[in-house]
Amino acid sequence: MLTREFDAFTESKLDLYPEGFRAETDEVNGSVYPNINDGV
């Protein structure tokens, strides 16, 4: 969600969710979120 929401307010071009890594990121998050994030 926050990948592009604040582009109008900054000159930064940092992309924390690059198109080429989205599938891998989503796969890792699918394991991390329920097992680590929700476990805290």
C-alpha atoms as a PDB file:
ATOM      1  CA  MET A   1       0.000   0.000   0.000  1.00  0.00           C
ATOM      2  CA  LEU A   2       2.684   2.498   0.928  1.00  0.00           C
ATOM      3  CA  THR A   3       4.835   1.797  -2.116  1.00  0.00           C
ATOM      4  CA  ARG A   4       3.529   4.804  -4.049  1.00  0.00           C
ATOM      5  CA  GLU A   5       1.092   6.560  -1.707  1.00  0.00           C
ATOM      6  CA  PHE A   6       3.490   9.359  -0.743  1.00  0.00           C
ATOM      7  CA  ASP A   7       5.204   9.991  -4.091  1.00  0.00           C
ATOM      8  CA  ALA A   8       3.548  13.407  -4.382  1.00  0.00           C
ATOM      9  CA  PHE A   9       5.244  14.521  -1.155  1.00  0.00           C
ATOM     10  CA  THR A  10       8.834  13.423  -1.822  1.00  0.00           C
ATOM     11  CA  GLU A  11      11.464  13.254  -4.528  1.00  0.00           C
ATOM     12  CA  SER A  12      12.617   9.815  -3.378  1.00  0.00           C
ATOM     13  CA  LYS A  13      12.384   7.033  -5.932  1.00  0.00           C
ATOM     14  CA  LEU A  14      12.950   4.248  -3.396  1.00  0.00           C
ATOM     15  CA  ASP A  15      10.857   1.216  -4.278  1.00  0.00           C
ATOM     16  CA  LEU A  16      10.431  -1.199  -1.372  1.00  0.00           C
ATOM     17  CA  TYR A  17       8.166  -3.508  -3.402  1.00  0.00           C
ATOM     18  CA  PRO A  18       9.848  -3.789  -6.824  1.00  0.00           C
ATOM     19  CA  GLU A  19       7.895  -5.470  -9.591  1.00  0.00           C
ATOM     20  CA  GLY A  20      10.626  -8.080 -10.205  1.00  0.00           C
ATOM     21  CA  PHE A  21      10.549  -9.312  -6.593  1.00  0.00           C
ATOM     22  CA  ARG A  22       6.849  -9.138  -5.803  1.00  0.00           C
ATOM     23  CA  ALA A  23       6.122 -12.844  -6.231  1.00  0.00           C
ATOM     24  CA  GLU A  24       9.055 -13.816  -3.985  1.00  0.00           C
ATOM     25  CA  THR A  25       8.203 -11.102  -1.459  1.00  0.00           C
ATOM     26  CA  ASP A  26       4.591 -12.251  -1.299  1.00  0.00           C
ATOM     27  CA  GLU A  27       5.703 -15.863  -0.826  1.00  0.00           C
ATOM     28  CA  VAL A  28       8.032 -14.977   2.052  1.00  0.00           C
ATOM     29  CA  ASN A  29       5.425 -12.706   3.633  1.00  0.00           C
ATOM     30  CA  GLY A  30       2.912 -15.558   3.431  1.00  0.00           C
ATOM     31  CA  SER A  31       5.080 -17.494   5.856  1.00  0.00           C
ATOM     32  CA  VAL A  32       6.517 -14.672   7.955  1.00  0.00           C
ATOM     33  CA  TYR A  33       3.301 -12.849   8.714  1.00  0.00           C
ATOM     34  CA  PRO A  34       1.266 -15.679  10.295  1.00  0.00           C
ATOM     35  CA  ASN A  35       4.225 -17.426  11.931  1.00  0.00           C
ATOM     36  CA  ILE A  36       6.283 -14.535  13.233  1.00  0.00           C
ATOM     37  CA  ASN A  37       4.315 -11.298  13.108  1.00  0.00           C
ATOM     38  CA  ASP A  38       1.119 -12.733  14.558  1.00  0.00           C
ATOM     39  CA  GLY A  39       3.108 -14.758  17.064  1.00  0.00           C
ATOM     40  CA  VAL A  40       4.539 -11.706  18.758  1.00  0.00           C
END
